[in-house]
Amino acid sequence: MADLEDGSTSPAPRKRADARRNEKTLLDAAAAAFVTSGVDVPVRDIAAKAGVGVGTIYRHFPTRADLIVAVYQHQVEACVQAGPALLASSSTPYAALAAWIDLFVDFLVTKHGLAKAMQSGDSAYQSLHGSFIDRLVPVCGQLLEAAGAAGEIRPGIGGFELMFAVGNLCSGADYGDARYDARRMVDLLVAGLRAG
């Protein structure tokens, strides 16, 4: 709300803790439903998985596009926050990097489920890819830098480069051939980062 005295604006009110928990539960349920059933999954199925009524979903996310964008942003932020937490709690920087890449693969599986919707031309999706790069590349870079400084990986690997490679390996799963295991291929890539 604008302050008429000095022209400043006050920050938007923060959501109550229970509202934030409800929203997180909805986003986690929607992400899981998108992976298994695609983004066109009925809202009632997402509501059932989240343990809420359909009206609750529409109160938080009035359109399907709102829900898709929120799921995407929620997962990006979870990956962003996981990087420093894994560095602090893992036995080695390489272990933190490997665990983070595993989370990133989980995100990509959901993202590929969103790919068709994101290519629909809906303006709600236009800034998502750029924000994804802007938020995640520095985190990946930080993990690579820490593992490199510890002498655990080969030098000169960039965050964008690694994320692009992982993304390409994950995109092979879109073809639906049971002989292809994207996670196994990513594990091989991450193992190949190790210093000789």
N, C-alpha and C. Protein backbone atom coordinates (compact mmCIF):
# COMPACT_ATOMS: atom_id res chain seq x y z
N MET A 1 0.85 -1.17 0.00
CA MET A 1 0.00 0.00 0.00
C MET A 1 0.90 1.23 0.00
N ALA A 2 0.55 2.24 -0.76
CA ALA A 2 1.38 3.44 -0.89
C ALA A 2 1.27 4.30 0.36
N ASP A 3 2.39 4.87 0.74
CA ASP A 3 2.42 5.84 1.83
C ASP A 3 2.34 7.21 1.18
N LEU A 4 1.26 7.92 1.41
CA LEU A 4 1.03 9.20 0.75
C LEU A 4 2.00 10.27 1.19
N GLU A 5 2.62 10.10 2.38
CA GLU A 5 3.53 11.10 2.89
C GLU A 5 4.84 11.14 2.11
N ASP A 6 5.47 9.94 1.94
CA ASP A 6 6.79 9.95 1.32
C ASP A 6 6.84 9.21 -0.01
N GLY A 7 5.72 8.71 -0.49
CA GLY A 7 5.68 8.05 -1.79
C GLY A 7 6.21 6.62 -1.78
N SER A 8 6.60 6.12 -0.63
CA SER A 8 7.12 4.75 -0.59
C SER A 8 5.97 3.76 -0.51
N THR A 9 6.29 2.52 -0.77
CA THR A 9 5.28 1.48 -0.66
C THR A 9 5.71 0.51 0.43
N SER A 10 4.74 -0.02 1.13
CA SER A 10 5.06 -1.01 2.15
C SER A 10 5.08 -2.38 1.49
N PRO A 11 5.85 -3.32 2.03
CA PRO A 11 5.93 -4.64 1.42
C PRO A 11 4.59 -5.36 1.50
N ALA A 12 4.40 -6.28 0.55
CA ALA A 12 3.17 -7.07 0.56
C ALA A 12 3.15 -7.91 1.83
N PRO A 13 1.97 -8.12 2.40
CA PRO A 13 1.91 -8.91 3.63
C PRO A 13 2.40 -10.34 3.37
N ARG A 14 3.12 -10.90 4.36
CA ARG A 14 3.61 -12.28 4.23
C ARG A 14 2.45 -13.24 4.49
N LYS A 15 2.49 -14.37 3.79
CA LYS A 15 1.47 -15.38 4.01
C LYS A 15 1.66 -16.00 5.39
N ARG A 16 0.57 -16.38 5.99
CA ARG A 16 0.62 -17.08 7.27
C ARG A 16 1.36 -18.40 7.08
N ALA A 17 1.95 -18.91 8.14
CA ALA A 17 2.71 -20.15 8.07
C ALA A 17 1.87 -21.31 7.56
N ASP A 18 0.60 -21.39 8.03
CA ASP A 18 -0.24 -22.50 7.57
C ASP A 18 -0.59 -22.36 6.10
N ALA A 19 -0.76 -21.14 5.61
CA ALA A 19 -1.03 -20.93 4.19
C ALA A 19 0.17 -21.33 3.35
N ARG A 20 1.38 -21.02 3.83
CA ARG A 20 2.60 -21.42 3.11
C ARG A 20 2.73 -22.94 3.08
N ARG A 21 2.43 -23.59 4.21
CA ARG A 21 2.49 -25.07 4.25
C ARG A 21 1.48 -25.67 3.28
N ASN A 22 0.25 -25.13 3.27
CA ASN A 22 -0.77 -25.63 2.36
C ASN A 22 -0.33 -25.48 0.91
N GLU A 23 0.25 -24.32 0.60
CA GLU A 23 0.69 -24.08 -0.77
C GLU A 23 1.81 -25.04 -1.14
N LYS A 24 2.75 -25.27 -0.23
CA LYS A 24 3.83 -26.22 -0.51
C LYS A 24 3.28 -27.62 -0.73
N THR A 25 2.32 -28.03 0.08
CA THR A 25 1.71 -29.35 -0.09
C THR A 25 1.04 -29.46 -1.45
N LEU A 26 0.33 -28.41 -1.85
CA LEU A 26 -0.32 -28.40 -3.17
C LEU A 26 0.70 -28.49 -4.29
N LEU A 27 1.78 -27.73 -4.18
CA LEU A 27 2.80 -27.71 -5.23
C LEU A 27 3.51 -29.06 -5.32
N ASP A 28 3.80 -29.68 -4.18
CA ASP A 28 4.44 -31.00 -4.20
C ASP A 28 3.51 -32.04 -4.82
N ALA A 29 2.22 -31.98 -4.47
CA ALA A 29 1.25 -32.91 -5.03
C ALA A 29 1.09 -32.70 -6.53
N ALA A 30 1.04 -31.44 -6.96
CA ALA A 30 0.90 -31.14 -8.39
C ALA A 30 2.13 -31.62 -9.16
N ALA A 31 3.32 -31.38 -8.60
CA ALA A 31 4.55 -31.82 -9.28
C ALA A 31 4.55 -33.33 -9.46
N ALA A 32 4.18 -34.07 -8.42
CA ALA A 32 4.13 -35.52 -8.51
C ALA A 32 3.09 -35.97 -9.54
N ALA A 33 1.94 -35.31 -9.56
CA ALA A 33 0.89 -35.65 -10.53
C ALA A 33 1.33 -35.33 -11.96
N PHE A 34 2.05 -34.23 -12.14
CA PHE A 34 2.54 -33.87 -13.48
C PHE A 34 3.50 -34.92 -14.01
N VAL A 35 4.35 -35.46 -13.12
CA VAL A 35 5.32 -36.47 -13.56
C VAL A 35 4.60 -37.74 -14.00
N THR A 36 3.63 -38.18 -13.21
CA THR A 36 2.97 -39.44 -13.52
C THR A 36 1.89 -39.34 -14.57
N SER A 37 1.18 -38.19 -14.63
CA SER A 37 0.00 -38.09 -15.51
C SER A 37 0.04 -36.92 -16.48
N GLY A 38 1.08 -36.10 -16.44
CA GLY A 38 1.14 -34.94 -17.33
C GLY A 38 0.43 -33.74 -16.74
N VAL A 39 0.63 -32.59 -17.38
CA VAL A 39 0.09 -31.35 -16.83
C VAL A 39 -1.42 -31.23 -17.00
N ASP A 40 -2.00 -32.11 -17.79
CA ASP A 40 -3.46 -32.07 -17.96
C ASP A 40 -4.20 -32.95 -16.95
N VAL A 41 -3.47 -33.43 -15.94
CA VAL A 41 -4.09 -34.24 -14.90
C VAL A 41 -5.27 -33.47 -14.31
N PRO A 42 -6.38 -34.14 -14.04
CA PRO A 42 -7.53 -33.44 -13.44
C PRO A 42 -7.16 -32.80 -12.09
N VAL A 43 -7.65 -31.60 -11.88
CA VAL A 43 -7.39 -30.88 -10.64
C VAL A 43 -7.88 -31.68 -9.44
N ARG A 44 -8.97 -32.40 -9.59
CA ARG A 44 -9.49 -33.20 -8.47
C ARG A 44 -8.47 -34.26 -8.04
N ASP A 45 -7.66 -34.78 -8.99
CA ASP A 45 -6.63 -35.77 -8.63
C ASP A 45 -5.52 -35.11 -7.81
N ILE A 46 -5.14 -33.90 -8.19
CA ILE A 46 -4.12 -33.16 -7.44
C ILE A 46 -4.65 -32.85 -6.04
N ALA A 47 -5.90 -32.41 -5.97
CA ALA A 47 -6.52 -32.09 -4.68
C ALA A 47 -6.54 -33.32 -3.77
N ALA A 48 -6.91 -34.47 -4.33
CA ALA A 48 -6.97 -35.70 -3.53
C ALA A 48 -5.58 -36.05 -3.01
N LYS A 49 -4.57 -35.94 -3.88
CA LYS A 49 -3.19 -36.25 -3.48
C LYS A 49 -2.72 -35.31 -2.38
N ALA A 50 -3.16 -34.04 -2.44
CA ALA A 50 -2.76 -33.05 -1.44
C ALA A 50 -3.62 -33.11 -0.19
N GLY A 51 -4.74 -33.82 -0.25
CA GLY A 51 -5.63 -33.91 0.90
C GLY A 51 -6.44 -32.64 1.13
N VAL A 52 -6.78 -31.94 0.03
CA VAL A 52 -7.56 -30.71 0.13
C VAL A 52 -8.71 -30.77 -0.87
N GLY A 53 -9.61 -29.81 -0.77
CA GLY A 53 -10.69 -29.71 -1.73
C GLY A 53 -10.24 -29.00 -2.99
N VAL A 54 -10.96 -29.22 -4.07
CA VAL A 54 -10.65 -28.59 -5.36
C VAL A 54 -10.67 -27.06 -5.23
N GLY A 55 -11.59 -26.55 -4.43
CA GLY A 55 -11.70 -25.10 -4.24
C GLY A 55 -10.43 -24.49 -3.66
N THR A 56 -9.75 -25.26 -2.82
CA THR A 56 -8.50 -24.77 -2.23
C THR A 56 -7.45 -24.55 -3.31
N ILE A 57 -7.38 -25.47 -4.26
CA ILE A 57 -6.41 -25.31 -5.36
C ILE A 57 -6.74 -24.05 -6.15
N TYR A 58 -8.02 -23.88 -6.50
CA TYR A 58 -8.39 -22.71 -7.30
C TYR A 58 -8.23 -21.40 -6.52
N ARG A 59 -8.33 -21.47 -5.21
CA ARG A 59 -8.11 -20.26 -4.40
C ARG A 59 -6.64 -19.83 -4.47
N HIS A 60 -5.74 -20.82 -4.47
CA HIS A 60 -4.31 -20.52 -4.57
C HIS A 60 -3.87 -20.26 -6.01
N PHE A 61 -4.44 -21.02 -6.95
CA PHE A 61 -4.01 -20.98 -8.36
C PHE A 61 -5.25 -20.95 -9.25
N PRO A 62 -5.72 -19.74 -9.60
CA PRO A 62 -6.97 -19.62 -10.35
C PRO A 62 -6.98 -20.31 -11.71
N THR A 63 -5.81 -20.44 -12.36
CA THR A 63 -5.77 -21.11 -13.67
C THR A 63 -4.74 -22.22 -13.64
N ARG A 64 -4.84 -23.13 -14.60
CA ARG A 64 -3.86 -24.21 -14.71
C ARG A 64 -2.46 -23.63 -14.96
N ALA A 65 -2.39 -22.57 -15.78
CA ALA A 65 -1.10 -21.92 -16.05
C ALA A 65 -0.49 -21.39 -14.75
N ASP A 66 -1.31 -20.82 -13.87
CA ASP A 66 -0.81 -20.33 -12.57
C ASP A 66 -0.20 -21.48 -11.77
N LEU A 67 -0.86 -22.63 -11.80
CA LEU A 67 -0.38 -23.79 -11.06
C LEU A 67 0.93 -24.31 -11.67
N ILE A 68 0.99 -24.41 -12.97
CA ILE A 68 2.19 -24.91 -13.65
C ILE A 68 3.38 -24.00 -13.37
N VAL A 69 3.19 -22.71 -13.49
CA VAL A 69 4.27 -21.75 -13.22
C VAL A 69 4.71 -21.87 -11.76
N ALA A 70 3.76 -21.97 -10.85
CA ALA A 70 4.10 -22.06 -9.43
C ALA A 70 4.89 -23.34 -9.12
N VAL A 71 4.50 -24.46 -9.73
CA VAL A 71 5.23 -25.72 -9.53
C VAL A 71 6.66 -25.57 -10.01
N TYR A 72 6.82 -25.01 -11.18
CA TYR A 72 8.14 -24.81 -11.76
C TYR A 72 9.00 -23.94 -10.86
N GLN A 73 8.46 -22.80 -10.43
CA GLN A 73 9.23 -21.88 -9.58
C GLN A 73 9.54 -22.50 -8.22
N HIS A 74 8.60 -23.25 -7.68
CA HIS A 74 8.79 -23.92 -6.39
C HIS A 74 9.95 -24.90 -6.48
N GLN A 75 10.02 -25.65 -7.56
CA GLN A 75 11.09 -26.63 -7.70
C GLN A 75 12.44 -25.96 -7.95
N VAL A 76 12.44 -24.88 -8.70
CA VAL A 76 13.69 -24.14 -8.90
C VAL A 76 14.21 -23.65 -7.55
N GLU A 77 13.33 -23.06 -6.75
CA GLU A 77 13.77 -22.54 -5.44
C GLU A 77 14.24 -23.65 -4.52
N ALA A 78 13.61 -24.82 -4.59
CA ALA A 78 14.06 -25.95 -3.77
C ALA A 78 15.48 -26.35 -4.17
N CYS A 79 15.77 -26.36 -5.47
CA CYS A 79 17.14 -26.68 -5.93
C CYS A 79 18.12 -25.59 -5.51
N VAL A 80 17.72 -24.35 -5.57
CA VAL A 80 18.59 -23.24 -5.16
C VAL A 80 18.96 -23.39 -3.68
N GLN A 81 17.98 -23.63 -2.84
CA GLN A 81 18.23 -23.73 -1.40
C GLN A 81 19.00 -25.00 -1.04
N ALA A 82 18.85 -26.04 -1.85
CA ALA A 82 19.52 -27.31 -1.55
C ALA A 82 21.03 -27.22 -1.71
N GLY A 83 21.51 -26.41 -2.65
CA GLY A 83 22.96 -26.34 -2.90
C GLY A 83 23.77 -26.03 -1.67
N PRO A 84 23.57 -24.86 -1.04
CA PRO A 84 24.34 -24.54 0.17
C PRO A 84 24.08 -25.51 1.32
N ALA A 85 22.85 -25.99 1.44
CA ALA A 85 22.54 -26.93 2.52
C ALA A 85 23.31 -28.24 2.34
N LEU A 86 23.40 -28.71 1.10
CA LEU A 86 24.15 -29.94 0.84
C LEU A 86 25.65 -29.74 1.07
N LEU A 87 26.16 -28.58 0.68
CA LEU A 87 27.58 -28.31 0.94
C LEU A 87 27.89 -28.33 2.43
N ALA A 88 26.96 -27.82 3.22
CA ALA A 88 27.16 -27.76 4.67
C ALA A 88 27.01 -29.12 5.34
N SER A 89 26.20 -30.00 4.77
CA SER A 89 25.88 -31.24 5.47
C SER A 89 26.50 -32.50 4.87
N SER A 90 27.05 -32.43 3.68
CA SER A 90 27.60 -33.63 3.03
C SER A 90 29.03 -33.90 3.49
N SER A 91 29.44 -35.13 3.34
CA SER A 91 30.78 -35.53 3.78
C SER A 91 31.88 -34.88 2.95
N THR A 92 31.61 -34.63 1.68
CA THR A 92 32.59 -33.98 0.79
C THR A 92 31.85 -33.07 -0.17
N PRO A 93 32.54 -32.11 -0.78
CA PRO A 93 31.90 -31.28 -1.80
C PRO A 93 31.42 -32.11 -3.00
N TYR A 94 32.17 -33.15 -3.37
CA TYR A 94 31.73 -34.01 -4.48
C TYR A 94 30.41 -34.70 -4.12
N ALA A 95 30.30 -35.18 -2.88
CA ALA A 95 29.05 -35.82 -2.44
C ALA A 95 27.90 -34.81 -2.51
N ALA A 96 28.16 -33.57 -2.13
CA ALA A 96 27.13 -32.52 -2.23
C ALA A 96 26.74 -32.29 -3.67
N LEU A 97 27.73 -32.22 -4.56
CA LEU A 97 27.46 -32.03 -5.98
C LEU A 97 26.62 -33.17 -6.53
N ALA A 98 27.01 -34.41 -6.23
CA ALA A 98 26.27 -35.57 -6.73
C ALA A 98 24.83 -35.58 -6.22
N ALA A 99 24.64 -35.24 -4.95
CA ALA A 99 23.28 -35.19 -4.38
C ALA A 99 22.47 -34.08 -5.04
N TRP A 100 23.10 -32.93 -5.30
CA TRP A 100 22.39 -31.82 -5.94
C TRP A 100 22.00 -32.18 -7.36
N ILE A 101 22.90 -32.83 -8.09
CA ILE A 101 22.57 -33.24 -9.46
C ILE A 101 21.39 -34.21 -9.43
N ASP A 102 21.32 -35.06 -8.43
CA ASP A 102 20.19 -35.98 -8.29
C ASP A 102 18.88 -35.21 -8.11
N LEU A 103 18.91 -34.15 -7.29
CA LEU A 103 17.72 -33.29 -7.13
C LEU A 103 17.39 -32.57 -8.44
N PHE A 104 18.42 -32.13 -9.14
CA PHE A 104 18.23 -31.46 -10.41
C PHE A 104 17.57 -32.40 -11.42
N VAL A 105 17.96 -33.67 -11.42
CA VAL A 105 17.33 -34.65 -12.31
C VAL A 105 15.85 -34.79 -11.96
N ASP A 106 15.54 -34.85 -10.66
CA ASP A 106 14.12 -34.90 -10.25
C ASP A 106 13.37 -33.71 -10.81
N PHE A 107 13.97 -32.52 -10.71
CA PHE A 107 13.35 -31.31 -11.26
C PHE A 107 13.15 -31.44 -12.77
N LEU A 108 14.17 -31.95 -13.47
CA LEU A 108 14.07 -32.05 -14.93
C LEU A 108 12.99 -33.02 -15.36
N VAL A 109 12.81 -34.09 -14.59
CA VAL A 109 11.74 -35.04 -14.92
C VAL A 109 10.40 -34.32 -14.91
N THR A 110 10.18 -33.49 -13.89
CA THR A 110 8.95 -32.71 -13.82
C THR A 110 8.91 -31.68 -14.93
N LYS A 111 10.04 -31.02 -15.17
CA LYS A 111 10.11 -29.99 -16.21
C LYS A 111 9.76 -30.56 -17.57
N HIS A 112 10.28 -31.76 -17.86
CA HIS A 112 9.94 -32.35 -19.15
C HIS A 112 8.45 -32.66 -19.23
N GLY A 113 7.83 -32.95 -18.09
CA GLY A 113 6.39 -33.11 -18.08
C GLY A 113 5.67 -31.80 -18.39
N LEU A 114 6.34 -30.68 -18.13
CA LEU A 114 5.75 -29.37 -18.37
C LEU A 114 6.08 -28.83 -19.76
N ALA A 115 6.97 -29.49 -20.49
CA ALA A 115 7.49 -28.94 -21.74
C ALA A 115 6.39 -28.57 -22.73
N LYS A 116 5.41 -29.42 -22.90
CA LYS A 116 4.34 -29.14 -23.87
C LYS A 116 3.57 -27.88 -23.48
N ALA A 117 3.25 -27.77 -22.20
CA ALA A 117 2.52 -26.58 -21.75
C ALA A 117 3.37 -25.34 -21.92
N MET A 118 4.66 -25.45 -21.63
CA MET A 118 5.54 -24.29 -21.71
C MET A 118 5.75 -23.82 -23.15
N GLN A 119 5.50 -24.70 -24.12
CA GLN A 119 5.64 -24.32 -25.52
C GLN A 119 4.31 -23.90 -26.13
N SER A 120 3.30 -23.71 -25.31
CA SER A 120 1.96 -23.41 -25.80
C SER A 120 1.79 -21.98 -26.26
N GLY A 121 2.75 -21.11 -25.95
CA GLY A 121 2.63 -19.70 -26.31
C GLY A 121 1.94 -18.87 -25.25
N ASP A 122 1.50 -19.49 -24.16
CA ASP A 122 0.88 -18.75 -23.06
C ASP A 122 1.92 -17.82 -22.45
N SER A 123 1.60 -16.55 -22.33
CA SER A 123 2.55 -15.55 -21.84
C SER A 123 3.02 -15.84 -20.41
N ALA A 124 2.25 -16.60 -19.67
CA ALA A 124 2.63 -16.92 -18.28
C ALA A 124 3.94 -17.70 -18.22
N TYR A 125 4.31 -18.39 -19.31
CA TYR A 125 5.49 -19.25 -19.30
C TYR A 125 6.74 -18.58 -19.86
N GLN A 126 6.63 -17.38 -20.41
CA GLN A 126 7.73 -16.80 -21.18
C GLN A 126 9.01 -16.57 -20.39
N SER A 127 8.95 -16.20 -19.16
CA SER A 127 10.17 -15.87 -18.41
C SER A 127 10.73 -17.05 -17.62
N LEU A 128 10.08 -18.21 -17.68
CA LEU A 128 10.49 -19.31 -16.81
C LEU A 128 11.88 -19.84 -17.12
N HIS A 129 12.18 -20.06 -18.40
CA HIS A 129 13.48 -20.65 -18.72
C HIS A 129 14.63 -19.73 -18.30
N GLY A 130 14.49 -18.45 -18.55
CA GLY A 130 15.54 -17.51 -18.16
C GLY A 130 15.74 -17.48 -16.66
N SER A 131 14.66 -17.51 -15.90
CA SER A 131 14.80 -17.48 -14.44
C SER A 131 15.42 -18.78 -13.95
N PHE A 132 15.11 -19.87 -14.59
CA PHE A 132 15.68 -21.18 -14.26
C PHE A 132 17.21 -21.12 -14.41
N ILE A 133 17.69 -20.60 -15.52
CA ILE A 133 19.13 -20.48 -15.76
C ILE A 133 19.76 -19.52 -14.75
N ASP A 134 19.14 -18.36 -14.59
CA ASP A 134 19.69 -17.33 -13.68
C ASP A 134 19.81 -17.83 -12.24
N ARG A 135 18.87 -18.65 -11.81
CA ARG A 135 18.86 -19.10 -10.41
C ARG A 135 19.74 -20.33 -10.17
N LEU A 136 19.77 -21.27 -11.13
CA LEU A 136 20.43 -22.55 -10.87
C LEU A 136 21.89 -22.61 -11.29
N VAL A 137 22.27 -21.92 -12.34
CA VAL A 137 23.67 -21.99 -12.80
C VAL A 137 24.64 -21.55 -11.69
N PRO A 138 24.38 -20.45 -10.97
CA PRO A 138 25.32 -20.07 -9.91
C PRO A 138 25.43 -21.12 -8.80
N VAL A 139 24.34 -21.80 -8.48
CA VAL A 139 24.37 -22.83 -7.44
C VAL A 139 25.22 -24.00 -7.91
N CYS A 140 24.99 -24.43 -9.13
CA CYS A 140 25.79 -25.53 -9.68
C CYS A 140 27.27 -25.12 -9.73
N GLY A 141 27.52 -23.89 -10.14
CA GLY A 141 28.89 -23.39 -10.19
C GLY A 141 29.55 -23.39 -8.83
N GLN A 142 28.81 -23.02 -7.79
CA GLN A 142 29.35 -23.02 -6.43
C GLN A 142 29.74 -24.43 -6.00
N LEU A 143 28.89 -25.40 -6.32
CA LEU A 143 29.18 -26.79 -5.97
C LEU A 143 30.39 -27.31 -6.74
N LEU A 144 30.48 -26.98 -8.02
CA LEU A 144 31.63 -27.38 -8.83
C LEU A 144 32.92 -26.74 -8.29
N GLU A 145 32.83 -25.48 -7.94
CA GLU A 145 34.00 -24.76 -7.42
C GLU A 145 34.49 -25.41 -6.12
N ALA A 146 33.57 -25.75 -5.25
CA ALA A 146 33.95 -26.38 -3.97
C ALA A 146 34.59 -27.75 -4.21
N ALA A 147 34.00 -28.54 -5.11
CA ALA A 147 34.56 -29.86 -5.40
C ALA A 147 35.91 -29.74 -6.10
N GLY A 148 36.05 -28.73 -6.96
CA GLY A 148 37.33 -28.49 -7.62
C GLY A 148 38.40 -28.06 -6.64
N ALA A 149 38.04 -27.16 -5.73
CA ALA A 149 39.00 -26.67 -4.73
C ALA A 149 39.46 -27.81 -3.81
N ALA A 150 38.61 -28.80 -3.60
CA ALA A 150 38.96 -29.95 -2.77
C ALA A 150 39.75 -30.99 -3.57
N GLY A 151 39.96 -30.73 -4.87
CA GLY A 151 40.69 -31.67 -5.73
C GLY A 151 39.91 -32.92 -6.08
N GLU A 152 38.58 -32.86 -5.94
CA GLU A 152 37.76 -34.06 -6.17
C GLU A 152 37.29 -34.21 -7.61
N ILE A 153 37.27 -33.13 -8.37
CA ILE A 153 36.82 -33.22 -9.76
C ILE A 153 37.85 -32.56 -10.68
N ARG A 154 37.70 -32.85 -11.96
CA ARG A 154 38.56 -32.24 -12.97
C ARG A 154 38.30 -30.74 -13.00
N PRO A 155 39.31 -29.95 -13.25
CA PRO A 155 39.11 -28.49 -13.30
C PRO A 155 38.45 -28.06 -14.61
N GLY A 156 37.90 -26.84 -14.58
CA GLY A 156 37.41 -26.20 -15.79
C GLY A 156 36.01 -26.57 -16.23
N ILE A 157 35.22 -27.16 -15.35
CA ILE A 157 33.84 -27.52 -15.70
C ILE A 157 32.93 -26.41 -15.20
N GLY A 158 32.11 -25.86 -16.09
CA GLY A 158 31.21 -24.78 -15.72
C GLY A 158 29.82 -25.28 -15.36
N GLY A 159 29.11 -24.49 -14.56
CA GLY A 159 27.76 -24.86 -14.14
C GLY A 159 26.80 -25.01 -15.31
N PHE A 160 26.82 -24.05 -16.25
CA PHE A 160 25.91 -24.13 -17.38
C PHE A 160 26.21 -25.37 -18.22
N GLU A 161 27.49 -25.63 -18.43
CA GLU A 161 27.93 -26.77 -19.24
C GLU A 161 27.42 -28.08 -18.64
N LEU A 162 27.61 -28.25 -17.34
CA LEU A 162 27.17 -29.48 -16.68
C LEU A 162 25.66 -29.60 -16.69
N MET A 163 24.95 -28.51 -16.38
CA MET A 163 23.49 -28.56 -16.37
C MET A 163 22.94 -28.86 -17.75
N PHE A 164 23.55 -28.30 -18.78
CA PHE A 164 23.12 -28.55 -20.16
C PHE A 164 23.29 -30.03 -20.50
N ALA A 165 24.44 -30.61 -20.11
CA ALA A 165 24.69 -32.02 -20.38
C ALA A 165 23.68 -32.91 -19.65
N VAL A 166 23.43 -32.60 -18.39
CA VAL A 166 22.45 -33.37 -17.61
C VAL A 166 21.07 -33.25 -18.25
N GLY A 167 20.71 -32.03 -18.66
CA GLY A 167 19.41 -31.83 -19.31
C GLY A 167 19.26 -32.64 -20.57
N ASN A 168 20.32 -32.70 -21.36
CA ASN A 168 20.26 -33.49 -22.59
C ASN A 168 20.13 -34.98 -22.30
N LEU A 169 20.84 -35.46 -21.30
CA LEU A 169 20.70 -36.87 -20.93
C LEU A 169 19.28 -37.18 -20.45
N CYS A 170 18.70 -36.25 -19.71
CA CYS A 170 17.33 -36.45 -19.21
C CYS A 170 16.29 -36.38 -20.33
N SER A 171 16.57 -35.58 -21.34
CA SER A 171 15.58 -35.45 -22.43
C SER A 171 15.42 -36.75 -23.20
N GLY A 172 16.41 -37.64 -23.14
CA GLY A 172 16.28 -38.93 -23.80
C GLY A 172 15.15 -39.77 -23.24
N ALA A 173 14.76 -39.50 -22.00
CA ALA A 173 13.66 -40.24 -21.38
C ALA A 173 12.32 -39.91 -22.02
N ASP A 174 12.25 -38.77 -22.73
CA ASP A 174 10.99 -38.36 -23.36
C ASP A 174 10.55 -39.31 -24.46
N TYR A 175 11.46 -40.12 -24.96
CA TYR A 175 11.12 -41.02 -26.07
C TYR A 175 10.42 -42.28 -25.61
N GLY A 176 10.40 -42.51 -24.32
CA GLY A 176 9.61 -43.61 -23.76
C GLY A 176 10.18 -44.99 -24.03
N ASP A 177 11.44 -45.11 -24.36
CA ASP A 177 12.06 -46.41 -24.59
C ASP A 177 12.61 -46.94 -23.27
N ALA A 178 12.09 -48.06 -22.82
CA ALA A 178 12.46 -48.63 -21.52
C ALA A 178 13.93 -49.01 -21.45
N ARG A 179 14.60 -49.11 -22.58
CA ARG A 179 16.02 -49.47 -22.58
C ARG A 179 16.90 -48.29 -22.16
N TYR A 180 16.33 -47.09 -22.12
CA TYR A 180 17.11 -45.91 -21.77
C TYR A 180 16.82 -45.51 -20.33
N ASP A 181 17.86 -45.41 -19.54
CA ASP A 181 17.74 -45.02 -18.13
C ASP A 181 18.50 -43.71 -17.93
N ALA A 182 17.78 -42.60 -17.95
CA ALA A 182 18.41 -41.28 -17.86
C ALA A 182 19.20 -41.12 -16.57
N ARG A 183 18.66 -41.60 -15.47
CA ARG A 183 19.35 -41.42 -14.19
C ARG A 183 20.69 -42.19 -14.20
N ARG A 184 20.71 -43.36 -14.79
CA ARG A 184 21.95 -44.13 -14.88
C ARG A 184 22.98 -43.37 -15.71
N MET A 185 22.54 -42.78 -16.81
CA MET A 185 23.46 -42.04 -17.66
C MET A 185 23.99 -40.79 -16.94
N VAL A 186 23.14 -40.13 -16.19
CA VAL A 186 23.59 -38.96 -15.42
C VAL A 186 24.59 -39.40 -14.35
N ASP A 187 24.33 -40.53 -13.70
CA ASP A 187 25.28 -41.04 -12.70
C ASP A 187 26.65 -41.29 -13.32
N LEU A 188 26.66 -41.83 -14.55
CA LEU A 188 27.93 -42.05 -15.25
C LEU A 188 28.63 -40.74 -15.55
N LEU A 189 27.86 -39.73 -15.96
CA LEU A 189 28.43 -38.41 -16.24
C LEU A 189 29.05 -37.83 -14.97
N VAL A 190 28.33 -37.88 -13.87
CA VAL A 190 28.83 -37.32 -12.61
C VAL A 190 30.06 -38.08 -12.14
N ALA A 191 30.06 -39.41 -12.29
CA ALA A 191 31.25 -40.19 -11.93
C ALA A 191 32.44 -39.79 -12.78
N GLY A 192 32.18 -39.42 -14.05
CA GLY A 192 33.25 -39.01 -14.95
C GLY A 192 33.87 -37.66 -14.61
N LEU A 193 33.24 -36.91 -13.73
CA LEU A 193 33.80 -35.63 -13.29
C LEU A 193 34.98 -35.82 -12.34
N ARG A 194 35.06 -36.99 -11.71
CA ARG A 194 36.07 -37.23 -10.68
C ARG A 194 37.47 -37.00 -11.23
N ALA A 195 38.30 -36.41 -10.42
CA ALA A 195 39.71 -36.19 -10.78
C ALA A 195 40.39 -37.55 -10.86
N GLY A 196 41.22 -37.73 -11.90
CA GLY A 196 41.89 -39.01 -12.17
C GLY A 196 42.80 -39.40 -11.10
